[in-house]
Structure formats: C-alpha cells, structure tokens
Amino acid sequence: MVFLVPLILIISSIFIIDHFYFSKENEVVKEQKQIGQKDIKQDKQKYLENILNQK
C-alpha cells in the first residue's frame, strides 16, 4: 500500500504534464492552420481578380 501512493502520484503527474504540453502544442498548430486558411482565401481572391481582369 505504501508503494501505491507514490506510484499513483507519479502516473497522474505524468498525465497532467502531458496534457499541458500538448494543449500548448495544439494551440500553435491551430494558429498555423488559421494563417494558412487566410493565405488560401487571399490567393483565391487574387486568382479570381486576375481572371476577371483578363476579360
């Protein structure tokens, strides 16, 4: 029983640290995707403007 308490604490701390690490990493990925989507929208708009200007 004495060994179970530290073992449970160690395992739970690993999960908590892992959760915080990956939550920060996911925020960075979300920001990069949003920037990419903005770039795609701008590229589409420029493409359509170029097509309209050619005619």
PDB file of N, CA and C in Angstrom:
ATOM      1  N   MET A   1       0.821  -1.201   0.000  1.00  0.00           N
ATOM      2  CA  MET A   1       0.000   0.000   0.000  1.00  0.00           C
ATOM      3  C   MET A   1       0.858   1.256   0.000  1.00  0.00           C
ATOM      4  N   VAL A   2       1.971   1.194   0.689  1.00  0.00           N
ATOM      5  CA  VAL A   2       2.863   2.353   0.765  1.00  0.00           C
ATOM      6  C   VAL A   2       3.428   2.672  -0.609  1.00  0.00           C
ATOM      7  N   PHE A   3       3.641   1.668  -1.419  1.00  0.00           N
ATOM      8  CA  PHE A   3       4.214   1.890  -2.750  1.00  0.00           C
ATOM      9  C   PHE A   3       3.174   2.363  -3.765  1.00  0.00           C
ATOM     10  N   LEU A   4       1.919   2.117  -3.482  1.00  0.00           N
ATOM     11  CA  LEU A   4       0.881   2.502  -4.436  1.00  0.00           C
ATOM     12  C   LEU A   4       0.668   4.012  -4.493  1.00  0.00           C
ATOM     13  N   VAL A   5       0.761   4.680  -3.358  1.00  0.00           N
ATOM     14  CA  VAL A   5       0.516   6.129  -3.325  1.00  0.00           C
ATOM     15  C   VAL A   5       1.540   6.878  -4.180  1.00  0.00           C
ATOM     16  N   PRO A   6       2.838   6.664  -4.008  1.00  0.00           N
ATOM     17  CA  PRO A   6       3.795   7.367  -4.885  1.00  0.00           C
ATOM     18  C   PRO A   6       3.640   6.978  -6.356  1.00  0.00           C
ATOM     19  N   LEU A   7       3.314   5.718  -6.599  1.00  0.00           N
ATOM     20  CA  LEU A   7       3.125   5.268  -7.973  1.00  0.00           C
ATOM     21  C   LEU A   7       1.951   5.997  -8.617  1.00  0.00           C
ATOM     22  N   ILE A   8       0.856   6.123  -7.895  1.00  0.00           N
ATOM     23  CA  ILE A   8      -0.310   6.840  -8.416  1.00  0.00           C
ATOM     24  C   ILE A   8       0.028   8.311  -8.635  1.00  0.00           C
ATOM     25  N   LEU A   9       0.750   8.913  -7.719  1.00  0.00           N
ATOM     26  CA  LEU A   9       1.141  10.322  -7.866  1.00  0.00           C
ATOM     27  C   LEU A   9       2.035  10.527  -9.086  1.00  0.00           C
ATOM     28  N   ILE A  10       2.971   9.641  -9.293  1.00  0.00           N
ATOM     29  CA  ILE A  10       3.878   9.759 -10.441  1.00  0.00           C
ATOM     30  C   ILE A  10       3.102   9.618 -11.746  1.00  0.00           C
ATOM     31  N   ILE A  11       2.241   8.631 -11.826  1.00  0.00           N
ATOM     32  CA  ILE A  11       1.472   8.409 -13.056  1.00  0.00           C
ATOM     33  C   ILE A  11       0.539   9.584 -13.333  1.00  0.00           C
ATOM     34  N   SER A  12      -0.139  10.075 -12.298  1.00  0.00           N
ATOM     35  CA  SER A  12      -1.048  11.207 -12.510  1.00  0.00           C
ATOM     36  C   SER A  12      -0.283  12.464 -12.902  1.00  0.00           C
ATOM     37  N   SER A  13       0.891  12.682 -12.329  1.00  0.00           N
ATOM     38  CA  SER A  13       1.674  13.870 -12.692  1.00  0.00           C
ATOM     39  C   SER A  13       2.150  13.777 -14.143  1.00  0.00           C
ATOM     40  N   ILE A  14       2.471  12.591 -14.601  1.00  0.00           N
ATOM     41  CA  ILE A  14       2.874  12.417 -15.999  1.00  0.00           C
ATOM     42  C   ILE A  14       1.726  12.794 -16.926  1.00  0.00           C
ATOM     43  N   PHE A  15       0.514  12.350 -16.609  1.00  0.00           N
ATOM     44  CA  PHE A  15      -0.634  12.693 -17.448  1.00  0.00           C
ATOM     45  C   PHE A  15      -0.930  14.187 -17.424  1.00  0.00           C
ATOM     46  N   ILE A  16      -0.790  14.812 -16.263  1.00  0.00           N
ATOM     47  CA  ILE A  16      -1.055  16.253 -16.155  1.00  0.00           C
ATOM     48  C   ILE A  16      -0.038  17.043 -16.972  1.00  0.00           C
ATOM     49  N   ILE A  17       1.234  16.708 -16.838  1.00  0.00           N
ATOM     50  CA  ILE A  17       2.280  17.400 -17.605  1.00  0.00           C
ATOM     51  C   ILE A  17       2.072  17.180 -19.096  1.00  0.00           C
ATOM     52  N   ASP A  18       1.740  15.966 -19.475  1.00  0.00           N
ATOM     53  CA  ASP A  18       1.492  15.636 -20.877  1.00  0.00           C
ATOM     54  C   ASP A  18       0.324  16.450 -21.429  1.00  0.00           C
ATOM     55  N   HIS A  19      -0.716  16.583 -20.644  1.00  0.00           N
ATOM     56  CA  HIS A  19      -1.891  17.352 -21.084  1.00  0.00           C
ATOM     57  C   HIS A  19      -1.515  18.809 -21.344  1.00  0.00           C
ATOM     58  N   PHE A  20      -0.786  19.430 -20.426  1.00  0.00           N
ATOM     59  CA  PHE A  20      -0.413  20.835 -20.611  1.00  0.00           C
ATOM     60  C   PHE A  20       0.528  21.016 -21.793  1.00  0.00           C
ATOM     61  N   TYR A  21       1.456  20.090 -21.977  1.00  0.00           N
ATOM     62  CA  TYR A  21       2.398  20.199 -23.097  1.00  0.00           C
ATOM     63  C   TYR A  21       1.662  20.133 -24.427  1.00  0.00           C
ATOM     64  N   PHE A  22       0.776  19.161 -24.577  1.00  0.00           N
ATOM     65  CA  PHE A  22       0.094  19.001 -25.858  1.00  0.00           C
ATOM     66  C   PHE A  22      -0.983  20.051 -26.077  1.00  0.00           C
ATOM     67  N   SER A  23      -1.536  20.629 -25.021  1.00  0.00           N
ATOM     68  CA  SER A  23      -2.519  21.694 -25.216  1.00  0.00           C
ATOM     69  C   SER A  23      -1.831  22.927 -25.796  1.00  0.00           C
ATOM     70  N   LYS A  24      -0.618  23.237 -25.357  1.00  0.00           N
ATOM     71  CA  LYS A  24       0.130  24.364 -25.928  1.00  0.00           C
ATOM     72  C   LYS A  24       0.504  24.067 -27.377  1.00  0.00           C
ATOM     73  N   GLU A  25       0.899  22.833 -27.640  1.00  0.00           N
ATOM     74  CA  GLU A  25       1.282  22.449 -28.996  1.00  0.00           C
ATOM     75  C   GLU A  25       0.079  22.535 -29.935  1.00  0.00           C
ATOM     76  N   ASN A  26      -1.089  22.140 -29.462  1.00  0.00           N
ATOM     77  CA  ASN A  26      -2.294  22.213 -30.286  1.00  0.00           C
ATOM     78  C   ASN A  26      -2.670  23.648 -30.602  1.00  0.00           C
ATOM     79  N   GLU A  27      -2.444  24.571 -29.670  1.00  0.00           N
ATOM     80  CA  GLU A  27      -2.732  25.983 -29.928  1.00  0.00           C
ATOM     81  C   GLU A  27      -1.853  26.506 -31.055  1.00  0.00           C
ATOM     82  N   VAL A  28      -0.592  26.116 -31.054  1.00  0.00           N
ATOM     83  CA  VAL A  28       0.327  26.557 -32.107  1.00  0.00           C
ATOM     84  C   VAL A  28      -0.131  26.019 -33.455  1.00  0.00           C
ATOM     85  N   VAL A  29      -0.532  24.762 -33.489  1.00  0.00           N
ATOM     86  CA  VAL A  29      -1.000  24.156 -34.739  1.00  0.00           C
ATOM     87  C   VAL A  29      -2.259  24.854 -35.236  1.00  0.00           C
ATOM     88  N   LYS A  30      -3.183  25.178 -34.339  1.00  0.00           N
ATOM     89  CA  LYS A  30      -4.412  25.876 -34.732  1.00  0.00           C
ATOM     90  C   LYS A  30      -4.095  27.245 -35.319  1.00  0.00           C
ATOM     91  N   GLU A  31      -3.153  27.966 -34.701  1.00  0.00           N
ATOM     92  CA  GLU A  31      -2.777  29.285 -35.219  1.00  0.00           C
ATOM     93  C   GLU A  31      -2.173  29.162 -36.616  1.00  0.00           C
ATOM     94  N   GLN A  32      -1.334  28.163 -36.825  1.00  0.00           N
ATOM     95  CA  GLN A  32      -0.722  27.978 -38.141  1.00  0.00           C
ATOM     96  C   GLN A  32      -1.773  27.638 -39.186  1.00  0.00           C
ATOM     97  N   LYS A  33      -2.769  26.838 -38.824  1.00  0.00           N
ATOM     98  CA  LYS A  33      -3.831  26.491 -39.771  1.00  0.00           C
ATOM     99  C   LYS A  33      -4.650  27.720 -40.133  1.00  0.00           C
ATOM    100  N   GLN A  34      -4.924  28.583 -39.151  1.00  0.00           N
ATOM    101  CA  GLN A  34      -5.696  29.793 -39.424  1.00  0.00           C
ATOM    102  C   GLN A  34      -4.935  30.708 -40.370  1.00  0.00           C
ATOM    103  N   ILE A  35      -3.635  30.836 -40.173  1.00  0.00           N
ATOM    104  CA  ILE A  35      -2.821  31.661 -41.065  1.00  0.00           C
ATOM    105  C   ILE A  35      -2.841  31.067 -42.467  1.00  0.00           C
ATOM    106  N   GLY A  36      -2.733  29.749 -42.562  1.00  0.00           N
ATOM    107  CA  GLY A  36      -2.777  29.080 -43.861  1.00  0.00           C
ATOM    108  C   GLY A  36      -4.101  29.281 -44.557  1.00  0.00           C
ATOM    109  N   GLN A  37      -5.197  29.238 -43.817  1.00  0.00           N
ATOM    110  CA  GLN A  37      -6.513  29.438 -44.415  1.00  0.00           C
ATOM    111  C   GLN A  37      -6.664  30.863 -44.924  1.00  0.00           C
ATOM    112  N   LYS A  38      -6.121  31.831 -44.193  1.00  0.00           N
ATOM    113  CA  LYS A  38      -6.183  33.223 -44.646  1.00  0.00           C
ATOM    114  C   LYS A  38      -5.409  33.381 -45.949  1.00  0.00           C
ATOM    115  N   ASP A  39      -4.235  32.743 -46.017  1.00  0.00           N
ATOM    116  CA  ASP A  39      -3.427  32.820 -47.234  1.00  0.00           C
ATOM    117  C   ASP A  39      -4.164  32.195 -48.414  1.00  0.00           C
ATOM    118  N   ILE A  40      -4.832  31.083 -48.183  1.00  0.00           N
ATOM    119  CA  ILE A  40      -5.571  30.416 -49.259  1.00  0.00           C
ATOM    120  C   ILE A  40      -6.704  31.307 -49.752  1.00  0.00           C
ATOM    121  N   LYS A  41      -7.406  31.949 -48.825  1.00  0.00           N
ATOM    122  CA  LYS A  41      -8.505  32.838 -49.219  1.00  0.00           C
ATOM    123  C   LYS A  41      -7.976  34.005 -50.045  1.00  0.00           C
ATOM    124  N   GLN A  42      -6.838  34.567 -49.637  1.00  0.00           N
ATOM    125  CA  GLN A  42      -6.256  35.682 -50.384  1.00  0.00           C
ATOM    126  C   GLN A  42      -5.815  35.227 -51.770  1.00  0.00           C
ATOM    127  N   ASP A  43      -5.226  34.042 -51.854  1.00  0.00           N
ATOM    128  CA  ASP A  43      -4.798  33.522 -53.153  1.00  0.00           C
ATOM    129  C   ASP A  43      -5.991  33.293 -54.073  1.00  0.00           C
ATOM    130  N   LYS A  44      -7.075  32.756 -53.524  1.00  0.00           N
ATOM    131  CA  LYS A  44      -8.274  32.541 -54.336  1.00  0.00           C
ATOM    132  C   LYS A  44      -8.820  33.868 -54.845  1.00  0.00           C
ATOM    133  N   GLN A  45      -8.835  34.864 -53.974  1.00  0.00           N
ATOM    134  CA  GLN A  45      -9.361  36.167 -54.366  1.00  0.00           C
ATOM    135  C   GLN A  45      -8.496  36.788 -55.462  1.00  0.00           C
ATOM    136  N   LYS A  46      -7.179  36.700 -55.319  1.00  0.00           N
ATOM    137  CA  LYS A  46      -6.278  37.237 -56.346  1.00  0.00           C
ATOM    138  C   LYS A  46      -6.464  36.498 -57.669  1.00  0.00           C
ATOM    139  N   TYR A  47      -6.632  35.184 -57.595  1.00  0.00           N
ATOM    140  CA  TYR A  47      -6.827  34.380 -58.802  1.00  0.00           C
ATOM    141  C   TYR A  47      -8.099  34.807 -59.528  1.00  0.00           C
ATOM    142  N   LEU A  48      -9.186  34.967 -58.772  1.00  0.00           N
ATOM    143  CA  LEU A  48     -10.447  35.380 -59.385  1.00  0.00           C
ATOM    144  C   LEU A  48     -10.350  36.790 -59.963  1.00  0.00           C
ATOM    145  N   GLU A  49      -9.660  37.675 -59.270  1.00  0.00           N
ATOM    146  CA  GLU A  49      -9.487  39.037 -59.780  1.00  0.00           C
ATOM    147  C   GLU A  49      -8.686  39.025 -61.075  1.00  0.00           C
ATOM    148  N   ASN A  50      -7.672  38.190 -61.148  1.00  0.00           N
ATOM    149  CA  ASN A  50      -6.866  38.097 -62.368  1.00  0.00           C
ATOM    150  C   ASN A  50      -7.700  37.583 -63.533  1.00  0.00           C
ATOM    151  N   ILE A  51      -8.550  36.604 -63.266  1.00  0.00           N
ATOM    152  CA  ILE A  51      -9.412  36.074 -64.331  1.00  0.00           C
ATOM    153  C   ILE A  51     -10.368  37.157 -64.823  1.00  0.00           C
ATOM    154  N   LEU A  52     -10.954  37.888 -63.898  1.00  0.00           N
ATOM    155  CA  LEU A  52     -11.902  38.933 -64.283  1.00  0.00           C
ATOM    156  C   LEU A  52     -11.213  40.078 -65.020  1.00  0.00           C
ATOM    157  N   ASN A  53      -9.992  40.376 -64.655  1.00  0.00           N
ATOM    158  CA  ASN A  53      -9.259  41.470 -65.298  1.00  0.00           C
ATOM    159  C   ASN A  53      -8.803  41.106 -66.706  1.00  0.00           C
ATOM    160  N   GLN A  54      -8.648  39.828 -66.993  1.00  0.00           N
ATOM    161  CA  GLN A  54      -8.188  39.411 -68.319  1.00  0.00           C
ATOM    162  C   GLN A  54      -9.269  39.606 -69.372  1.00  0.00           C
ATOM    163  N   LYS A  55     -10.507  39.531 -68.988  1.00  0.00           N
ATOM    164  CA  LYS A  55     -11.597  39.610 -69.968  1.00  0.00           C
ATOM    165  C   LYS A  55     -11.914  41.034 -70.335  1.00  0.00           C
TER     166      LYS A  55
END
